[in-house]
Amino acid sequence: MAAAVAVPRLVPELDTAARPSRLRALVAGAPIEGVAIAGALGPRIPAYEWMWKWRHVRLQITGDDLLAAGVPAGPEVGRRLAVALDQRLDGEIGEDRESELAAALGDGPT
């Protein structure tokens, strides 16, 4: 059901995702089946790239790393991890822990 609900929204929006981080935001909460169906009905390349390339990207750092660096527990930890993930997806930072931590702490590219 969730996939069927997501498809009408995803079909016109997939083509607007100029960056992998934007694509991540668009498909957030949508089941992979919904992305696949939207790609079959509309823009195939963004759906394909999400399913086979971008959705598997993970950070090497965790919330524990941010807590150890002095970030207070709470929603800020998740927000900072999301910033680092977006920068990683967009190729703005390297794939190493140091780059990810710098981005999450605000010391990397913005």
N, C-alpha and C. Protein backbone atom coordinates (compact mmCIF):
# COMPACT_ATOMS: atom_id res chain seq x y z
N MET A 1 0.83 -1.19 0.00
CA MET A 1 0.00 0.00 0.00
C MET A 1 0.87 1.26 0.00
N ALA A 2 1.92 1.24 0.83
CA ALA A 2 2.79 2.41 0.91
C ALA A 2 3.47 2.68 -0.42
N ALA A 3 3.82 1.62 -1.14
CA ALA A 3 4.45 1.80 -2.46
C ALA A 3 3.47 2.45 -3.43
N ALA A 4 2.23 1.99 -3.42
CA ALA A 4 1.22 2.55 -4.31
C ALA A 4 0.95 4.02 -4.00
N VAL A 5 1.00 4.38 -2.75
CA VAL A 5 0.78 5.77 -2.34
C VAL A 5 1.96 6.65 -2.77
N ALA A 6 3.17 6.11 -2.71
CA ALA A 6 4.37 6.90 -3.03
C ALA A 6 4.52 7.18 -4.51
N VAL A 7 4.06 6.27 -5.36
CA VAL A 7 4.32 6.36 -6.80
C VAL A 7 3.83 7.67 -7.42
N PRO A 8 2.58 8.10 -7.21
CA PRO A 8 2.14 9.33 -7.86
C PRO A 8 2.98 10.56 -7.49
N ARG A 9 3.52 10.57 -6.29
CA ARG A 9 4.38 11.69 -5.87
C ARG A 9 5.76 11.56 -6.48
N LEU A 10 6.28 10.35 -6.54
CA LEU A 10 7.65 10.15 -7.02
C LEU A 10 7.82 10.34 -8.52
N VAL A 11 6.86 9.90 -9.32
CA VAL A 11 7.02 9.96 -10.78
C VAL A 11 7.40 11.36 -11.25
N PRO A 12 6.67 12.41 -10.89
CA PRO A 12 7.05 13.73 -11.39
C PRO A 12 8.26 14.33 -10.69
N GLU A 13 8.57 13.87 -9.48
CA GLU A 13 9.65 14.49 -8.71
C GLU A 13 11.03 13.89 -8.96
N LEU A 14 11.08 12.64 -9.40
CA LEU A 14 12.39 12.00 -9.58
C LEU A 14 13.29 12.78 -10.52
N ASP A 15 12.72 13.35 -11.56
CA ASP A 15 13.53 14.11 -12.52
C ASP A 15 14.08 15.41 -11.94
N THR A 16 13.55 15.85 -10.81
CA THR A 16 14.01 17.12 -10.22
C THR A 16 15.23 16.92 -9.33
N ALA A 17 15.61 15.68 -9.11
CA ALA A 17 16.73 15.38 -8.20
C ALA A 17 18.05 15.53 -8.94
N ALA A 18 18.62 16.71 -8.87
CA ALA A 18 19.88 16.99 -9.57
C ALA A 18 21.08 16.43 -8.83
N ARG A 19 20.92 16.14 -7.55
CA ARG A 19 22.02 15.64 -6.73
C ARG A 19 21.55 14.39 -5.98
N PRO A 20 22.46 13.48 -5.67
CA PRO A 20 22.07 12.30 -4.91
C PRO A 20 21.43 12.64 -3.56
N SER A 21 21.87 13.70 -2.91
CA SER A 21 21.27 14.07 -1.62
C SER A 21 19.82 14.48 -1.80
N ARG A 22 19.51 15.14 -2.89
CA ARG A 22 18.12 15.53 -3.17
C ARG A 22 17.28 14.29 -3.46
N LEU A 23 17.86 13.36 -4.17
CA LEU A 23 17.17 12.10 -4.46
C LEU A 23 16.86 11.37 -3.15
N ARG A 24 17.82 11.36 -2.24
CA ARG A 24 17.60 10.74 -0.93
C ARG A 24 16.43 11.38 -0.21
N ALA A 25 16.36 12.70 -0.26
CA ALA A 25 15.26 13.41 0.40
C ALA A 25 13.91 13.08 -0.26
N LEU A 26 13.91 12.97 -1.58
CA LEU A 26 12.66 12.67 -2.29
C LEU A 26 12.11 11.29 -1.98
N VAL A 27 12.98 10.32 -1.88
CA VAL A 27 12.50 8.95 -1.68
C VAL A 27 12.40 8.56 -0.21
N ALA A 28 12.75 9.47 0.68
CA ALA A 28 12.69 9.18 2.11
C ALA A 28 11.31 8.65 2.49
N GLY A 29 11.31 7.50 3.13
CA GLY A 29 10.06 6.91 3.59
C GLY A 29 9.32 6.09 2.55
N ALA A 30 9.74 6.18 1.30
CA ALA A 30 9.07 5.40 0.25
C ALA A 30 9.69 4.01 0.19
N PRO A 31 8.88 2.99 0.10
CA PRO A 31 9.44 1.65 -0.04
C PRO A 31 10.18 1.52 -1.37
N ILE A 32 11.17 0.65 -1.40
CA ILE A 32 11.95 0.45 -2.62
C ILE A 32 11.06 0.04 -3.79
N GLU A 33 9.99 -0.68 -3.51
CA GLU A 33 9.06 -1.08 -4.57
C GLU A 33 8.41 0.15 -5.21
N GLY A 34 8.12 1.16 -4.39
CA GLY A 34 7.54 2.39 -4.92
C GLY A 34 8.51 3.12 -5.82
N VAL A 35 9.78 3.14 -5.44
CA VAL A 35 10.80 3.77 -6.27
C VAL A 35 10.93 3.02 -7.58
N ALA A 36 10.91 1.68 -7.52
CA ALA A 36 11.02 0.87 -8.74
C ALA A 36 9.84 1.11 -9.67
N ILE A 37 8.65 1.15 -9.13
CA ILE A 37 7.46 1.38 -9.96
C ILE A 37 7.49 2.78 -10.55
N ALA A 38 7.87 3.77 -9.74
CA ALA A 38 7.97 5.15 -10.24
C ALA A 38 8.99 5.22 -11.36
N GLY A 39 10.10 4.50 -11.24
CA GLY A 39 11.10 4.48 -12.29
C GLY A 39 10.60 3.80 -13.55
N ALA A 40 9.76 2.80 -13.40
CA ALA A 40 9.19 2.12 -14.56
C ALA A 40 8.19 3.00 -15.28
N LEU A 41 7.50 3.84 -14.53
CA LEU A 41 6.48 4.71 -15.12
C LEU A 41 7.01 6.08 -15.55
N GLY A 42 8.16 6.45 -15.03
CA GLY A 42 8.67 7.78 -15.30
C GLY A 42 10.18 7.76 -15.50
N PRO A 43 10.87 8.65 -14.82
CA PRO A 43 12.32 8.78 -15.00
C PRO A 43 13.08 7.56 -14.47
N ARG A 44 13.61 6.78 -15.38
CA ARG A 44 14.28 5.54 -15.01
C ARG A 44 15.65 5.75 -14.36
N ILE A 45 16.42 6.68 -14.87
CA ILE A 45 17.80 6.83 -14.40
C ILE A 45 17.87 7.20 -12.92
N PRO A 46 17.13 8.21 -12.45
CA PRO A 46 17.22 8.51 -11.01
C PRO A 46 16.77 7.33 -10.14
N ALA A 47 15.70 6.66 -10.54
CA ALA A 47 15.22 5.52 -9.76
C ALA A 47 16.28 4.41 -9.74
N TYR A 48 16.86 4.13 -10.88
CA TYR A 48 17.89 3.09 -10.97
C TYR A 48 19.10 3.46 -10.11
N GLU A 49 19.55 4.70 -10.22
CA GLU A 49 20.70 5.12 -9.43
C GLU A 49 20.42 5.03 -7.94
N TRP A 50 19.21 5.38 -7.52
CA TRP A 50 18.90 5.26 -6.11
C TRP A 50 18.93 3.80 -5.68
N MET A 51 18.27 2.95 -6.43
CA MET A 51 18.15 1.55 -6.04
C MET A 51 19.49 0.82 -6.04
N TRP A 52 20.36 1.11 -7.00
CA TRP A 52 21.56 0.31 -7.17
C TRP A 52 22.85 1.00 -6.74
N LYS A 53 22.80 2.29 -6.55
CA LYS A 53 24.04 2.99 -6.22
C LYS A 53 23.95 3.74 -4.89
N TRP A 54 23.01 4.64 -4.77
CA TRP A 54 23.01 5.57 -3.65
C TRP A 54 22.39 5.06 -2.37
N ARG A 55 21.38 4.22 -2.44
CA ARG A 55 20.71 3.81 -1.19
C ARG A 55 21.60 2.94 -0.31
N HIS A 56 22.67 2.40 -0.86
CA HIS A 56 23.57 1.55 -0.10
C HIS A 56 24.71 2.31 0.55
N VAL A 57 24.84 3.59 0.28
CA VAL A 57 25.92 4.39 0.86
C VAL A 57 25.65 4.59 2.35
N ARG A 58 26.64 4.26 3.16
CA ARG A 58 26.54 4.41 4.61
C ARG A 58 27.76 5.15 5.11
N LEU A 59 27.58 5.85 6.20
CA LEU A 59 28.69 6.53 6.84
C LEU A 59 29.50 5.54 7.67
N GLN A 60 30.77 5.82 7.82
CA GLN A 60 31.61 5.03 8.71
C GLN A 60 31.46 5.51 10.16
N ILE A 61 31.07 6.77 10.32
CA ILE A 61 30.88 7.31 11.67
C ILE A 61 29.47 7.01 12.15
N THR A 62 29.29 7.09 13.45
CA THR A 62 27.98 6.88 14.07
C THR A 62 27.70 8.02 15.05
N GLY A 63 26.54 7.97 15.61
CA GLY A 63 26.20 8.94 16.64
C GLY A 63 27.14 8.89 17.82
N ASP A 64 27.66 7.72 18.12
CA ASP A 64 28.62 7.59 19.22
C ASP A 64 29.87 8.43 18.97
N ASP A 65 30.30 8.49 17.70
CA ASP A 65 31.46 9.32 17.36
C ASP A 65 31.18 10.79 17.62
N LEU A 66 29.97 11.22 17.31
CA LEU A 66 29.61 12.63 17.53
C LEU A 66 29.48 12.93 19.02
N LEU A 67 28.90 12.00 19.76
CA LEU A 67 28.80 12.19 21.21
C LEU A 67 30.19 12.29 21.82
N ALA A 68 31.10 11.43 21.37
CA ALA A 68 32.48 11.46 21.88
C ALA A 68 33.19 12.76 21.51
N ALA A 69 32.76 13.38 20.42
CA ALA A 69 33.35 14.65 19.99
C ALA A 69 32.71 15.85 20.67
N GLY A 70 31.71 15.60 21.54
CA GLY A 70 31.12 16.69 22.30
C GLY A 70 29.77 17.18 21.83
N VAL A 71 29.19 16.56 20.82
CA VAL A 71 27.85 16.94 20.39
C VAL A 71 26.87 16.41 21.44
N PRO A 72 25.98 17.27 21.94
CA PRO A 72 25.03 16.81 22.96
C PRO A 72 24.05 15.79 22.38
N ALA A 73 23.66 14.83 23.21
CA ALA A 73 22.67 13.83 22.79
C ALA A 73 21.37 14.52 22.41
N GLY A 74 20.71 13.98 21.40
CA GLY A 74 19.44 14.52 20.95
C GLY A 74 19.36 14.60 19.45
N PRO A 75 18.37 15.31 18.94
CA PRO A 75 18.14 15.37 17.50
C PRO A 75 19.30 15.95 16.71
N GLU A 76 20.13 16.75 17.36
CA GLU A 76 21.27 17.37 16.67
C GLU A 76 22.23 16.30 16.13
N VAL A 77 22.35 15.20 16.82
CA VAL A 77 23.22 14.11 16.38
C VAL A 77 22.73 13.59 15.03
N GLY A 78 21.46 13.31 14.92
CA GLY A 78 20.88 12.82 13.67
C GLY A 78 20.98 13.84 12.55
N ARG A 79 20.76 15.11 12.88
CA ARG A 79 20.85 16.16 11.87
C ARG A 79 22.27 16.22 11.32
N ARG A 80 23.25 16.15 12.19
CA ARG A 80 24.65 16.23 11.75
C ARG A 80 25.06 15.01 10.93
N LEU A 81 24.56 13.83 11.31
CA LEU A 81 24.84 12.64 10.51
C LEU A 81 24.22 12.76 9.13
N ALA A 82 23.02 13.33 9.05
CA ALA A 82 22.35 13.53 7.76
C ALA A 82 23.14 14.50 6.88
N VAL A 83 23.68 15.55 7.47
CA VAL A 83 24.51 16.51 6.73
C VAL A 83 25.73 15.81 6.15
N ALA A 84 26.39 15.01 6.97
CA ALA A 84 27.58 14.29 6.51
C ALA A 84 27.21 13.30 5.40
N LEU A 85 26.08 12.60 5.55
CA LEU A 85 25.66 11.65 4.52
C LEU A 85 25.35 12.37 3.21
N ASP A 86 24.66 13.49 3.29
CA ASP A 86 24.37 14.26 2.07
C ASP A 86 25.66 14.69 1.38
N GLN A 87 26.63 15.16 2.15
CA GLN A 87 27.90 15.58 1.55
C GLN A 87 28.64 14.40 0.95
N ARG A 88 28.55 13.26 1.60
CA ARG A 88 29.19 12.05 1.06
C ARG A 88 28.52 11.63 -0.23
N LEU A 89 27.19 11.62 -0.26
CA LEU A 89 26.45 11.25 -1.47
C LEU A 89 26.80 12.18 -2.64
N ASP A 90 26.93 13.45 -2.34
CA ASP A 90 27.19 14.44 -3.39
C ASP A 90 28.66 14.54 -3.76
N GLY A 91 29.50 13.74 -3.16
CA GLY A 91 30.92 13.74 -3.48
C GLY A 91 31.68 14.94 -2.96
N GLU A 92 31.12 15.61 -1.96
CA GLU A 92 31.76 16.80 -1.40
C GLU A 92 32.81 16.47 -0.35
N ILE A 93 32.75 15.26 0.17
CA ILE A 93 33.75 14.81 1.15
C ILE A 93 34.22 13.42 0.73
N GLY A 94 35.35 13.02 1.31
CA GLY A 94 35.88 11.69 1.04
C GLY A 94 35.10 10.61 1.75
N GLU A 95 35.49 9.38 1.49
CA GLU A 95 34.83 8.23 2.08
C GLU A 95 35.49 7.78 3.37
N ASP A 96 36.37 8.59 3.92
CA ASP A 96 37.08 8.22 5.14
C ASP A 96 36.39 8.79 6.38
N ARG A 97 36.65 8.17 7.50
CA ARG A 97 36.04 8.59 8.77
C ARG A 97 36.35 10.03 9.12
N GLU A 98 37.59 10.45 8.86
CA GLU A 98 37.99 11.81 9.22
C GLU A 98 37.17 12.84 8.45
N SER A 99 36.98 12.62 7.17
CA SER A 99 36.17 13.55 6.35
C SER A 99 34.72 13.58 6.83
N GLU A 100 34.19 12.41 7.11
CA GLU A 100 32.81 12.34 7.58
C GLU A 100 32.64 13.05 8.91
N LEU A 101 33.57 12.82 9.82
CA LEU A 101 33.48 13.45 11.14
C LEU A 101 33.63 14.97 11.03
N ALA A 102 34.55 15.42 10.18
CA ALA A 102 34.71 16.86 9.98
C ALA A 102 33.43 17.48 9.43
N ALA A 103 32.81 16.81 8.49
CA ALA A 103 31.55 17.32 7.91
C ALA A 103 30.45 17.35 8.98
N ALA A 104 30.36 16.30 9.77
CA ALA A 104 29.32 16.24 10.79
C ALA A 104 29.52 17.26 11.90
N LEU A 105 30.78 17.61 12.12
CA LEU A 105 31.08 18.62 13.16
C LEU A 105 31.09 20.03 12.62
N GLY A 106 30.86 20.15 11.32
CA GLY A 106 30.81 21.48 10.73
C GLY A 106 32.15 22.00 10.29
N ASP A 107 33.16 21.13 10.25
CA ASP A 107 34.51 21.54 9.85
C ASP A 107 34.79 21.22 8.37
N GLY A 108 33.80 20.61 7.68
CA GLY A 108 34.01 20.23 6.29
C GLY A 108 33.25 21.16 5.37
N PRO A 109 33.15 20.80 4.09
CA PRO A 109 32.40 21.63 3.13
C PRO A 109 30.95 21.74 3.54
N THR A 110 30.33 22.84 3.12
CA THR A 110 28.91 23.02 3.44
C THR A 110 28.08 23.02 2.20
